[in-house]
């Protein structure tokens, strides 16, 4: 019996309804359900029977089994929704504690590496998609979510619908990027791979968009082909976009808007990896001389 044909318990259905009422994204809903299923597997009984002490033991179990801080906090958030919203039993969560996530510096490509990476992508579609990620600073999910109508060549912007936080925004569209997208559109349109007004980067079936997973596989393959000895992902291109703009002395508040960051502190992280900016700073040692 497949998962789709299995009966959904009334408890899970209630949680699903609660998430739908709040219009949580499908990805968030899947994560929350996964957290509750993992708790049920740990308890070997219905999750709504868990006590505060059970939840404390569950967190210790996750920590002892090497769960990352990000995954641990995501699990706690899912359980918090289940107990506070679906069960109206917020007091049961009193012994679960979120943990501090270590802040690591992002991997950034040089301009030469970014160019090599894009050129090494498997085909024209992937080259265009990676160009969008680096040239406009979009997330993988935002790249695959673009439609042909989102390209505004008159105003030189890309319309990003429902980015992170389900917020719309405009991203920059440079002349070079616009020309690459036009080239891709002409080829794809001539080959019948792109529907009129459809996805800018369609999947094998043009009704559906390319998936973020496929795009990440493509960027990994491109990094190998380009002989880039760094841990590269689609998000690396976004990090590189922001860092290179900062090195070009673009105002950090402008970069914040382009990236769609809610907090300036998030964008300020790139100041720590902008090596060209660091090289321009004169050390006080250089201005001292022996007496």
Protein backbone atom coordinates (compact mmCIF):
# COMPACT_ATOMS: atom_id res chain seq x y z
CA UNK A 1 0.00 0.00 0.00
CA UNK A 2 1.45 3.37 -0.97
CA UNK A 3 1.53 6.34 1.35
CA UNK A 4 -1.09 8.15 -0.74
CA UNK A 5 -3.59 5.32 -0.23
CA UNK A 6 -3.05 4.95 3.51
CA UNK A 7 -5.77 6.33 5.75
CA UNK A 8 -4.82 9.56 7.51
CA UNK A 9 -5.55 9.51 11.23
CA UNK A 10 -7.98 12.13 12.59
CA UNK A 11 -5.12 13.61 14.64
CA UNK A 12 -2.86 14.10 11.63
CA UNK A 13 -5.77 15.45 9.59
CA UNK A 14 -6.48 18.00 12.30
CA UNK A 15 -2.84 19.12 12.28
CA UNK A 16 -2.91 19.37 8.47
CA UNK A 17 -6.08 21.46 8.68
CA UNK A 18 -4.47 23.71 11.30
CA UNK A 19 -1.49 24.27 9.00
CA UNK A 20 -3.74 24.94 6.01
CA UNK A 21 -5.71 27.48 8.05
CA UNK A 22 -2.47 29.38 8.60
CA UNK A 23 -1.43 28.94 4.96
CA UNK A 24 1.89 27.36 5.84
CA UNK A 25 3.95 26.39 2.80
CA UNK A 26 3.91 22.74 1.64
CA UNK A 27 7.59 22.44 2.60
CA UNK A 28 6.86 23.69 6.13
CA UNK A 29 3.90 21.35 6.47
CA UNK A 30 6.01 18.38 5.40
CA UNK A 31 8.70 19.31 7.94
CA UNK A 32 6.18 19.64 10.78
CA UNK A 33 4.57 16.29 9.98
CA UNK A 34 8.00 14.66 9.81
CA UNK A 35 8.86 15.99 13.28
CA UNK A 36 5.69 14.52 14.82
CA UNK A 37 6.22 11.18 13.05
CA UNK A 38 9.75 11.02 14.42
CA UNK A 39 8.45 11.63 17.94
CA UNK A 40 5.84 8.87 17.51
CA UNK A 41 8.57 6.49 16.35
CA UNK A 42 10.66 7.33 19.41
CA UNK A 43 7.73 6.82 21.78
CA UNK A 44 6.33 3.82 19.91
CA UNK A 45 2.88 5.18 20.66
CA UNK A 46 0.61 8.06 19.65
CA UNK A 47 2.44 11.42 19.78
CA UNK A 48 -0.41 13.17 21.61
CA UNK A 49 0.31 10.98 24.68
CA UNK A 50 3.79 12.49 25.13
CA UNK A 51 4.51 14.15 28.45
CA UNK A 52 6.91 17.02 29.08
CA UNK A 53 9.45 14.48 30.35
CA UNK A 54 8.98 12.36 27.20
CA UNK A 55 9.76 15.40 25.07
CA UNK A 56 12.87 16.14 27.11
CA UNK A 57 14.06 12.55 26.62
CA UNK A 58 13.31 12.86 22.90
CA UNK A 59 15.52 15.94 22.60
CA UNK A 60 18.33 14.16 24.45
CA UNK A 61 17.90 11.21 22.07
CA UNK A 62 18.23 13.49 19.04
CA UNK A 63 21.32 15.18 20.46
CA UNK A 64 22.96 11.85 21.28
CA UNK A 65 22.33 10.65 17.73
CA UNK A 66 24.17 13.60 16.20
CA UNK A 67 21.33 15.73 14.87
CA UNK A 68 22.53 19.12 13.65
CA UNK A 69 21.46 22.29 15.51
CA UNK A 70 19.45 23.44 12.47
CA UNK A 71 17.56 20.13 12.22
CA UNK A 72 17.02 20.02 15.98
CA UNK A 73 15.50 23.50 16.04
CA UNK A 74 13.31 22.65 13.02
CA UNK A 75 12.04 19.54 14.83
CA UNK A 76 11.27 21.56 17.96
CA UNK A 77 9.39 24.14 15.87
CA UNK A 78 7.25 21.40 14.32
CA UNK A 79 6.47 19.87 17.71
CA UNK A 80 5.73 23.31 19.13
CA UNK A 81 3.04 23.77 16.47
CA UNK A 82 1.60 20.32 17.16
CA UNK A 83 1.33 20.75 20.93
CA UNK A 84 0.50 24.45 21.09
CA UNK A 85 -1.89 24.73 18.15
CA UNK A 86 -3.32 21.31 17.34
CA UNK A 87 -3.48 19.94 20.90
CA UNK A 88 -3.69 23.26 22.81
CA UNK A 89 -1.18 21.81 25.29
CA UNK A 90 1.63 24.36 25.25
CA UNK A 91 2.78 23.40 28.76
CA UNK A 92 4.11 20.07 27.48
CA UNK A 93 6.85 21.88 25.55
CA UNK A 94 8.34 23.51 28.67
CA UNK A 95 11.34 21.15 28.79
CA UNK A 96 12.32 21.39 25.14
CA UNK A 97 14.86 24.08 24.32
CA UNK A 98 16.08 25.37 20.99
CA UNK A 99 19.85 25.56 20.64
CA UNK A 100 22.22 28.18 19.28
CA UNK A 101 23.22 27.57 15.67
CA UNK A 102 26.94 28.20 15.00
CA UNK A 103 27.32 30.95 12.42
CA UNK A 104 29.73 29.82 9.75
CA UNK A 105 31.14 31.94 6.96
CA UNK A 106 29.70 31.16 3.52
CA UNK A 107 31.77 29.68 0.72
CA UNK A 108 32.40 32.34 -1.94
CA UNK A 109 33.70 31.89 -5.46
CA UNK A 110 36.08 34.30 -7.16
CA UNK A 111 34.76 36.02 -10.27
CA UNK A 112 36.89 33.69 -12.40
CA UNK A 113 35.54 30.61 -10.62
CA UNK A 114 31.94 31.81 -11.05
CA UNK A 115 32.52 32.28 -14.79
CA UNK A 116 34.13 28.84 -15.10
CA UNK A 117 31.33 27.22 -13.15
CA UNK A 118 28.62 28.69 -15.39
CA UNK A 119 30.52 27.81 -18.57
CA UNK A 120 30.93 24.22 -17.34
CA UNK A 121 27.19 23.64 -16.79
CA UNK A 122 25.83 20.73 -18.80
CA UNK A 123 23.67 22.61 -21.31
CA UNK A 124 22.33 26.04 -22.23
CA UNK A 125 19.39 25.79 -19.82
CA UNK A 126 21.64 25.13 -16.85
CA UNK A 127 24.07 27.84 -17.93
CA UNK A 128 21.20 30.34 -18.04
CA UNK A 129 19.82 29.18 -14.68
CA UNK A 130 23.22 29.44 -12.97
CA UNK A 131 23.67 32.86 -14.57
CA UNK A 132 20.44 33.99 -12.90
CA UNK A 133 21.58 32.70 -9.51
CA UNK A 134 24.91 34.54 -9.78
CA UNK A 135 23.79 37.55 -11.81
CA UNK A 136 20.70 38.36 -9.74
CA UNK A 137 21.42 36.65 -6.41
CA UNK A 138 18.36 34.39 -6.48
CA UNK A 139 17.84 31.28 -4.39
CA UNK A 140 17.47 27.94 -6.21
CA UNK A 141 13.73 27.86 -5.46
CA UNK A 142 13.39 31.39 -6.87
CA UNK A 143 15.30 30.52 -10.04
CA UNK A 144 13.09 27.51 -10.86
CA UNK A 145 9.98 29.53 -9.97
CA UNK A 146 10.59 32.14 -12.67
CA UNK A 147 8.23 32.40 -15.61
CA UNK A 148 8.89 34.01 -18.98
CA UNK A 149 6.64 36.91 -18.05
CA UNK A 150 8.79 37.68 -15.00
CA UNK A 151 11.53 39.09 -17.25
CA UNK A 152 11.03 42.83 -17.63
CA UNK A 153 13.51 43.96 -20.27
CA UNK A 154 12.15 47.51 -20.27
CA UNK A 155 12.74 48.15 -16.58
CA UNK A 156 15.66 45.69 -16.41
CA UNK A 157 14.30 43.75 -13.47
CA UNK A 158 13.24 40.20 -12.66
CA UNK A 159 9.99 39.75 -10.77
CA UNK A 160 10.39 37.19 -7.99
CA UNK A 161 7.02 35.93 -6.80
CA UNK A 162 6.68 34.42 -3.36
CA UNK A 163 10.34 34.27 -2.44
CA UNK A 164 11.40 33.29 1.07
CA UNK A 165 8.70 34.33 3.52
CA UNK A 166 6.22 34.28 0.60
CA UNK A 167 7.15 37.84 -0.29
CA UNK A 168 7.35 39.27 -3.80
CA UNK A 169 10.31 41.43 -4.78
CA UNK A 170 12.25 42.65 -7.79
CA UNK A 171 15.78 41.48 -8.56
CA UNK A 172 18.31 43.18 -10.80
CA UNK A 173 18.59 42.21 -14.47
CA UNK A 174 21.88 43.15 -16.08
CA UNK A 175 22.29 43.51 -19.88
CA UNK A 176 24.53 40.42 -19.99
CA UNK A 177 22.01 38.33 -18.07
CA UNK A 178 19.16 39.58 -20.25
CA UNK A 179 21.02 38.55 -23.40
CA UNK A 180 21.75 35.09 -21.99
CA UNK A 181 18.08 34.62 -21.11
CA UNK A 182 17.01 35.77 -24.56
CA UNK A 183 19.42 33.28 -26.14
CA UNK A 184 18.03 30.49 -23.97
CA UNK A 185 14.45 31.52 -24.76
CA UNK A 186 15.07 31.50 -28.52
CA UNK A 187 16.63 28.02 -28.45
CA UNK A 188 14.06 26.52 -26.08
CA UNK A 189 11.15 28.08 -27.96
CA UNK A 190 12.44 26.81 -31.33
CA UNK A 191 12.79 23.30 -29.89
CA UNK A 192 9.32 23.36 -28.35
CA UNK A 193 10.72 22.99 -24.84
CA UNK A 194 9.10 26.14 -23.46
CA UNK A 195 5.40 26.93 -23.35
CA UNK A 196 4.12 30.40 -24.23
CA UNK A 197 4.20 32.38 -21.01
CA UNK A 198 5.30 29.23 -19.16
CA UNK A 199 8.23 28.39 -16.93
CA UNK A 200 11.52 30.03 -17.80
CA UNK A 201 13.31 26.81 -16.87
CA UNK A 202 10.86 23.97 -17.59
CA UNK A 203 11.44 20.39 -16.56
CA UNK A 204 11.35 17.41 -18.89
CA UNK A 205 7.61 18.01 -19.13
CA UNK A 206 7.31 21.75 -19.91
CA UNK A 207 4.13 21.93 -17.84
CA UNK A 208 6.31 21.57 -14.75
CA UNK A 209 9.31 23.68 -13.74
CA UNK A 210 12.81 22.34 -13.28
CA UNK A 211 13.19 21.19 -9.67
CA UNK A 212 15.63 22.78 -7.23
CA UNK A 213 17.11 19.32 -6.67
CA UNK A 214 17.89 18.94 -10.38
CA UNK A 215 19.48 22.38 -10.38
CA UNK A 216 21.67 21.50 -7.40
CA UNK A 217 22.80 18.31 -9.11
CA UNK A 218 23.69 20.38 -12.16
CA UNK A 219 25.78 22.85 -10.17
CA UNK A 220 27.66 20.04 -8.43
CA UNK A 221 28.47 18.48 -11.81
CA UNK A 222 29.56 21.87 -13.15
CA UNK A 223 31.88 22.42 -10.17
CA UNK A 224 33.51 19.05 -10.81
CA UNK A 225 33.89 19.81 -14.52
CA UNK A 226 35.37 23.24 -13.74
CA UNK A 227 37.79 21.67 -11.23
CA UNK A 228 36.66 23.99 -8.45
CA UNK A 229 37.98 22.66 -5.17
CA UNK A 230 35.30 24.22 -2.98
CA UNK A 231 32.04 22.96 -1.56
CA UNK A 232 29.72 24.48 -4.16
CA UNK A 233 25.91 24.66 -4.17
CA UNK A 234 23.35 26.91 -5.80
CA UNK A 235 23.45 29.08 -2.69
CA UNK A 236 27.19 29.58 -3.24
CA UNK A 237 26.32 31.63 -6.33
CA UNK A 238 23.99 33.80 -4.25
CA UNK A 239 26.72 34.28 -1.63
CA UNK A 240 29.19 35.19 -4.38
CA UNK A 241 26.74 37.69 -5.89
CA UNK A 242 26.39 39.54 -2.59
CA UNK A 243 30.09 39.45 -1.78
CA UNK A 244 31.15 40.72 -5.19
CA UNK A 245 28.63 43.57 -5.02
CA UNK A 246 30.03 44.57 -1.64
CA UNK A 247 33.55 44.51 -3.09
CA UNK A 248 32.28 46.82 -5.84
CA UNK A 249 31.30 49.21 -3.03
CA UNK A 250 27.54 48.81 -3.54
CA UNK A 251 25.73 50.06 -0.43
CA UNK A 252 24.96 47.17 1.89
CA UNK A 253 21.34 48.35 2.26
CA UNK A 254 20.91 48.04 -1.51
CA UNK A 255 22.33 44.52 -1.35
CA UNK A 256 19.89 43.76 1.46
CA UNK A 257 16.97 44.74 -0.77
CA UNK A 258 18.30 42.78 -3.75
CA UNK A 259 18.68 39.64 -1.64
CA UNK A 260 15.29 40.06 0.03
CA UNK A 261 16.78 39.92 3.53
CA UNK A 262 14.54 41.00 6.37
CA UNK A 263 17.43 42.00 8.66
CA UNK A 264 20.51 44.01 7.78
CA UNK A 265 22.59 41.81 10.11
CA UNK A 266 22.05 38.88 7.75
CA UNK A 267 23.48 40.86 4.83
CA UNK A 268 26.32 42.25 6.96
CA UNK A 269 27.80 38.75 7.17
CA UNK A 270 29.22 39.24 3.68
CA UNK A 271 31.51 41.99 4.94
CA UNK A 272 33.51 39.21 6.62
CA UNK A 273 34.19 37.40 3.34
CA UNK A 274 34.65 40.38 1.01
CA UNK A 275 38.42 39.91 0.66
CA UNK A 276 38.93 42.83 -1.73
CA UNK A 277 37.44 45.15 0.89
CA UNK A 278 39.75 43.69 3.52
CA UNK A 279 42.78 44.17 1.29
CA UNK A 280 41.99 47.88 0.95
CA UNK A 281 42.18 48.39 4.71
CA UNK A 282 45.57 49.67 5.81
CA UNK A 283 46.92 47.90 8.87
CA UNK A 284 48.11 50.21 11.67
CA UNK A 285 51.42 48.36 11.46
CA UNK A 286 52.01 49.94 8.05
CA UNK A 287 51.80 53.45 9.49
CA UNK A 288 54.25 52.92 12.31
CA UNK A 289 57.96 53.52 12.12
CA UNK A 290 60.72 52.85 14.63
CA UNK A 291 61.57 55.83 16.76
